[in-house]
Amino acid sequence: MDQFSIIPVLDLKDGKVVHARAGDRTRYEPIRSPLAPTSEPDAVLDGLLALAPFRRIYIADLDAIEGRGSHRAVLAALARGHAGIEFWIDAGLATAAAAAEAAEPGLVPVLGSETLAAPDELAAALRPGKRCVLSLDYRDERFLGPASVATRPELWPDEVIVMTLSRVGSGAGPDLARLNQVRRHAGPRRVFAAGGVRDASDIARLAALGLAGALVATALHDGRLDRATVNALIAER
């Protein structure tokens, strides 16, 4: 399981961490987790970090993705308070200029295909000295975003997320066929799974496919990936 990373997810809506289910954002409710006393972002993050010494955290700013505000001040405060952690921020960024503006110390912008304005914007975001993560977003079998982004790996940055929204929080397991297809086309790029990861057996399957890691939320909060399991997986890296 060399080089495999577990990346916890925080989904932010109306100032709270919410429980994402199947990509239906209208139904997301504040999370209830044994890891944290409240659904406040700092409380949930502290609970996750008490579980294991994660070095990357993925945060989806759902308000920004839906065009109804943002959690920018919250994100900056989390980064200031947790030096040494890299926060991957998906905030509905449509352009290279928006990605550059979001790239503050400790914050790495995620360009999601769902909101990307055009393939050229992804190329512009990867000019020398710039860094971003690409999220290839799918709902069931449908790719969300400019079609050529999914089929032209030469446009992709070094780190690529394969996000299957319909499997998020569903317990359905990761989309292994799609993940394997993307990994085979990705060349030297590091591919991360998002959506459906349930337990250590899923982690083992993803690692066996050659993936670099997985974004995980529900399985950490409901205990299927508990402290002992997570720390053992981290120790194997």
Protein backbone atom coordinates (compact mmCIF):
# COMPACT_ATOMS: atom_id res chain seq x y z
CA MET A 1 0.00 0.00 0.00
CA ASP A 2 3.01 2.23 -0.61
CA GLN A 3 2.20 5.92 -1.27
CA PHE A 4 -1.54 5.54 -0.64
CA SER A 5 -3.12 8.52 1.16
CA ILE A 6 -6.38 8.79 3.07
CA ILE A 7 -7.74 12.33 2.70
CA PRO A 8 -10.63 13.31 4.98
CA VAL A 9 -13.41 15.42 3.50
CA LEU A 10 -15.24 18.40 4.98
CA ASP A 11 -18.35 19.56 3.11
CA LEU A 12 -19.27 23.09 4.21
CA LYS A 13 -22.76 24.55 3.89
CA ASP A 14 -24.14 27.58 5.72
CA GLY A 15 -21.14 27.61 8.06
CA LYS A 16 -21.48 23.97 9.13
CA VAL A 17 -19.94 20.66 8.13
CA VAL A 18 -22.72 18.65 6.50
CA HIS A 19 -23.22 14.98 5.73
CA ALA A 20 -23.03 14.54 1.97
CA ARG A 21 -25.30 11.90 0.44
CA ALA A 22 -25.39 10.90 -3.23
CA GLY A 23 -24.61 14.42 -4.44
CA ASP A 24 -28.10 15.75 -3.58
CA ARG A 25 -26.92 18.98 -1.96
CA THR A 26 -30.44 20.19 -1.16
CA ARG A 27 -30.75 17.39 1.40
CA TYR A 28 -27.39 17.75 3.16
CA GLU A 29 -27.82 18.26 6.92
CA PRO A 30 -25.27 19.25 9.60
CA ILE A 31 -23.15 16.26 10.44
CA ARG A 32 -23.52 14.31 13.66
CA SER A 33 -20.27 12.56 14.42
CA PRO A 34 -18.80 10.82 17.47
CA LEU A 35 -15.55 12.54 16.52
CA ALA A 36 -16.82 16.05 17.28
CA PRO A 37 -19.25 17.70 19.73
CA THR A 38 -20.67 20.03 17.05
CA SER A 39 -20.78 20.45 13.29
CA GLU A 40 -18.57 23.55 13.40
CA PRO A 41 -15.68 23.20 10.91
CA ASP A 42 -12.92 23.61 13.51
CA ALA A 43 -14.52 21.05 15.84
CA VAL A 44 -14.92 18.44 13.10
CA LEU A 45 -11.40 19.03 11.82
CA ASP A 46 -9.97 18.67 15.31
CA GLY A 47 -11.89 15.41 15.72
CA LEU A 48 -10.47 14.03 12.50
CA LEU A 49 -6.94 15.03 13.45
CA ALA A 50 -7.37 13.34 16.83
CA LEU A 51 -8.19 10.17 14.91
CA ALA A 52 -4.98 10.22 12.86
CA PRO A 53 -2.23 12.67 11.75
CA PHE A 54 -3.69 13.42 8.33
CA ARG A 55 -1.52 15.72 6.22
CA ARG A 56 -4.11 16.61 3.58
CA ILE A 57 -7.74 17.64 3.97
CA TYR A 58 -10.23 18.16 1.13
CA ILE A 59 -12.86 20.85 1.69
CA ALA A 60 -15.86 21.43 -0.56
CA ASP A 61 -17.31 24.90 -0.13
CA LEU A 62 -20.84 24.06 -1.23
CA ASP A 63 -22.08 27.62 -0.89
CA ALA A 64 -19.41 28.79 -3.33
CA ILE A 65 -20.03 25.86 -5.70
CA GLU A 66 -23.73 26.79 -5.80
CA GLY A 67 -22.98 30.51 -6.21
CA ARG A 68 -24.58 31.66 -2.97
CA GLY A 69 -21.67 32.90 -0.88
CA SER A 70 -18.46 31.35 0.36
CA HIS A 71 -16.53 30.16 3.39
CA ARG A 72 -13.31 31.92 2.37
CA ALA A 73 -12.65 33.43 5.81
CA VAL A 74 -13.30 30.05 7.49
CA LEU A 75 -10.89 28.31 5.12
CA ALA A 76 -8.14 30.86 5.71
CA ALA A 77 -8.58 30.52 9.47
CA LEU A 78 -8.36 26.73 9.31
CA ALA A 79 -5.15 26.96 7.29
CA ARG A 80 -3.62 29.48 9.71
CA GLY A 81 -4.47 27.27 12.66
CA HIS A 82 -3.09 24.06 11.14
CA ALA A 83 0.30 24.79 9.65
CA GLY A 84 1.76 21.76 7.92
CA ILE A 85 -1.62 20.52 6.65
CA GLU A 86 -2.41 20.99 2.97
CA PHE A 87 -6.03 21.90 2.35
CA TRP A 88 -7.46 21.09 -1.08
CA ILE A 89 -10.25 23.60 -1.69
CA ASP A 90 -13.11 23.00 -4.12
CA ALA A 91 -15.02 26.28 -4.22
CA GLY A 92 -16.70 26.22 -7.61
CA LEU A 93 -13.69 27.73 -9.36
CA ALA A 94 -14.42 28.33 -13.05
CA THR A 95 -11.28 30.11 -14.25
CA ALA A 96 -7.53 30.25 -13.83
CA ALA A 97 -7.88 33.71 -12.30
CA ALA A 98 -10.27 32.37 -9.66
CA ALA A 99 -7.86 29.52 -8.89
CA ALA A 100 -4.98 31.96 -8.47
CA GLU A 101 -7.05 34.09 -6.12
CA ALA A 102 -7.97 31.06 -4.01
CA ALA A 103 -4.35 29.88 -3.68
CA GLU A 104 -3.44 31.23 -0.27
CA PRO A 105 -0.81 29.76 2.11
CA GLY A 106 -1.87 26.23 2.97
CA LEU A 107 -4.74 26.25 0.44
CA VAL A 108 -4.47 24.41 -2.89
CA PRO A 109 -7.27 25.20 -5.37
CA VAL A 110 -9.30 22.34 -6.83
CA LEU A 111 -10.71 22.94 -10.30
CA GLY A 112 -13.83 20.81 -10.57
CA SER A 113 -14.92 19.92 -14.08
CA GLU A 114 -18.53 20.54 -13.00
CA THR A 115 -17.88 24.28 -12.74
CA LEU A 116 -14.88 24.72 -15.09
CA ALA A 117 -15.63 27.34 -17.73
CA ALA A 118 -13.44 25.86 -20.49
CA PRO A 119 -10.46 23.53 -21.02
CA ASP A 120 -8.25 26.55 -21.70
CA GLU A 121 -8.83 27.72 -18.14
CA LEU A 122 -7.33 24.50 -16.82
CA ALA A 123 -4.27 24.94 -19.03
CA ALA A 124 -3.87 28.53 -17.83
CA ALA A 125 -4.10 27.42 -14.20
CA LEU A 126 -1.08 25.15 -14.75
CA ARG A 127 1.35 27.76 -16.05
CA PRO A 128 4.84 27.63 -14.50
CA GLY A 129 4.77 28.38 -10.80
CA LYS A 130 1.05 27.56 -10.49
CA ARG A 131 -0.50 24.51 -8.88
CA CYS A 132 -3.99 23.09 -8.74
CA VAL A 133 -5.80 19.78 -8.39
CA LEU A 134 -8.32 18.64 -11.01
CA SER A 135 -11.56 16.94 -10.02
CA LEU A 136 -13.17 14.93 -12.81
CA ASP A 137 -16.80 15.05 -11.74
CA TYR A 138 -19.37 12.40 -12.65
CA ARG A 139 -23.02 11.87 -11.79
CA ASP A 140 -23.81 8.22 -12.46
CA GLU A 141 -22.43 7.66 -15.98
CA ARG A 142 -22.53 11.32 -17.04
CA PHE A 143 -19.40 13.46 -17.03
CA LEU A 144 -20.00 16.97 -15.70
CA GLY A 145 -18.11 19.70 -17.51
CA PRO A 146 -16.34 20.31 -20.85
CA ALA A 147 -16.15 16.91 -22.52
CA SER A 148 -12.55 17.26 -23.69
CA VAL A 149 -11.32 17.62 -20.10
CA ALA A 150 -12.19 13.98 -19.46
CA THR A 151 -10.50 12.68 -22.59
CA ARG A 152 -7.29 14.74 -22.80
CA PRO A 153 -4.95 13.76 -19.97
CA GLU A 154 -2.30 16.13 -21.31
CA LEU A 155 -4.45 18.89 -19.82
CA TRP A 156 -4.41 17.32 -16.36
CA PRO A 157 -2.25 18.46 -13.43
CA ASP A 158 -0.12 16.09 -11.38
CA GLU A 159 -3.01 15.26 -9.02
CA VAL A 160 -6.44 14.21 -10.27
CA ILE A 161 -9.55 13.33 -8.29
CA VAL A 162 -12.21 11.08 -9.80
CA MET A 163 -15.41 12.24 -8.08
CA THR A 164 -18.48 10.01 -8.47
CA LEU A 165 -21.13 12.22 -6.86
CA SER A 166 -23.90 9.62 -6.85
CA ARG A 167 -21.75 7.35 -4.67
CA VAL A 168 -20.82 9.97 -2.07
CA GLY A 169 -22.12 8.87 1.34
CA SER A 170 -24.03 6.03 -0.29
CA GLY A 171 -22.16 2.99 0.99
CA ALA A 172 -22.21 1.66 -2.58
CA GLY A 173 -18.45 1.27 -2.86
CA PRO A 174 -16.09 3.08 -5.23
CA ASP A 175 -16.54 2.96 -8.99
CA LEU A 176 -13.62 0.64 -9.62
CA ALA A 177 -14.11 0.35 -13.39
CA ARG A 178 -14.04 4.10 -13.97
CA LEU A 179 -11.16 4.60 -11.55
CA ASN A 180 -9.11 1.97 -13.29
CA GLN A 181 -9.86 3.51 -16.68
CA VAL A 182 -8.79 6.98 -15.55
CA ARG A 183 -5.66 5.64 -13.87
CA ARG A 184 -4.61 3.87 -17.07
CA HIS A 185 -4.97 7.12 -19.05
CA ALA A 186 -3.37 9.33 -16.41
CA GLY A 187 0.24 8.33 -17.05
CA PRO A 188 2.48 9.51 -14.19
CA ARG A 189 -0.26 11.60 -12.59
CA ARG A 190 -1.55 10.63 -9.16
CA VAL A 191 -5.22 9.61 -9.17
CA PHE A 192 -7.45 9.83 -6.09
CA ALA A 193 -10.84 8.16 -5.63
CA ALA A 194 -13.82 10.06 -4.24
CA GLY A 195 -17.24 8.60 -3.58
CA GLY A 196 -18.33 5.33 -2.00
CA VAL A 197 -15.25 4.32 0.00
CA ARG A 198 -16.56 2.14 2.84
CA ASP A 199 -13.77 0.37 4.69
CA ALA A 200 -10.25 -1.04 4.67
CA SER A 201 -11.12 -3.60 2.00
CA ASP A 202 -12.08 -0.80 -0.38
CA ILE A 203 -8.79 0.94 0.41
CA ALA A 204 -6.95 -2.27 -0.44
CA ARG A 205 -8.79 -2.56 -3.77
CA LEU A 206 -7.97 1.02 -4.69
CA ALA A 207 -4.33 0.62 -3.77
CA ALA A 208 -4.16 -2.56 -5.84
CA LEU A 209 -5.37 -0.55 -8.86
CA GLY A 210 -2.42 1.79 -8.41
CA LEU A 211 -4.38 4.75 -7.12
CA ALA A 212 -2.59 7.33 -5.00
CA GLY A 213 -5.30 7.75 -2.38
CA ALA A 214 -8.93 8.21 -1.50
CA LEU A 215 -11.14 11.00 -0.23
CA VAL A 216 -13.17 9.69 2.70
CA ALA A 217 -15.85 11.13 4.98
CA THR A 218 -18.69 8.83 6.12
CA ALA A 219 -16.49 5.80 6.86
CA LEU A 220 -14.36 7.90 9.23
CA HIS A 221 -17.34 9.28 11.12
CA ASP A 222 -19.30 6.03 11.45
CA GLY A 223 -16.27 4.04 12.59
CA ARG A 224 -15.85 1.65 9.69
CA LEU A 225 -12.41 3.21 9.34
CA ASP A 226 -11.56 3.52 13.02
CA ARG A 227 -8.46 4.86 14.75
CA ALA A 228 -6.56 1.57 14.74
CA THR A 229 -7.37 0.83 11.10
CA VAL A 230 -6.54 4.31 9.83
CA ASN A 231 -3.26 4.52 11.72
CA ALA A 232 -2.25 1.07 10.51
CA LEU A 233 -2.94 2.15 6.92
CA ILE A 234 -0.95 5.33 7.41
CA ALA A 235 1.93 3.38 8.94
CA GLU A 236 2.06 1.17 5.83
CA ARG A 237 2.65 4.15 3.55
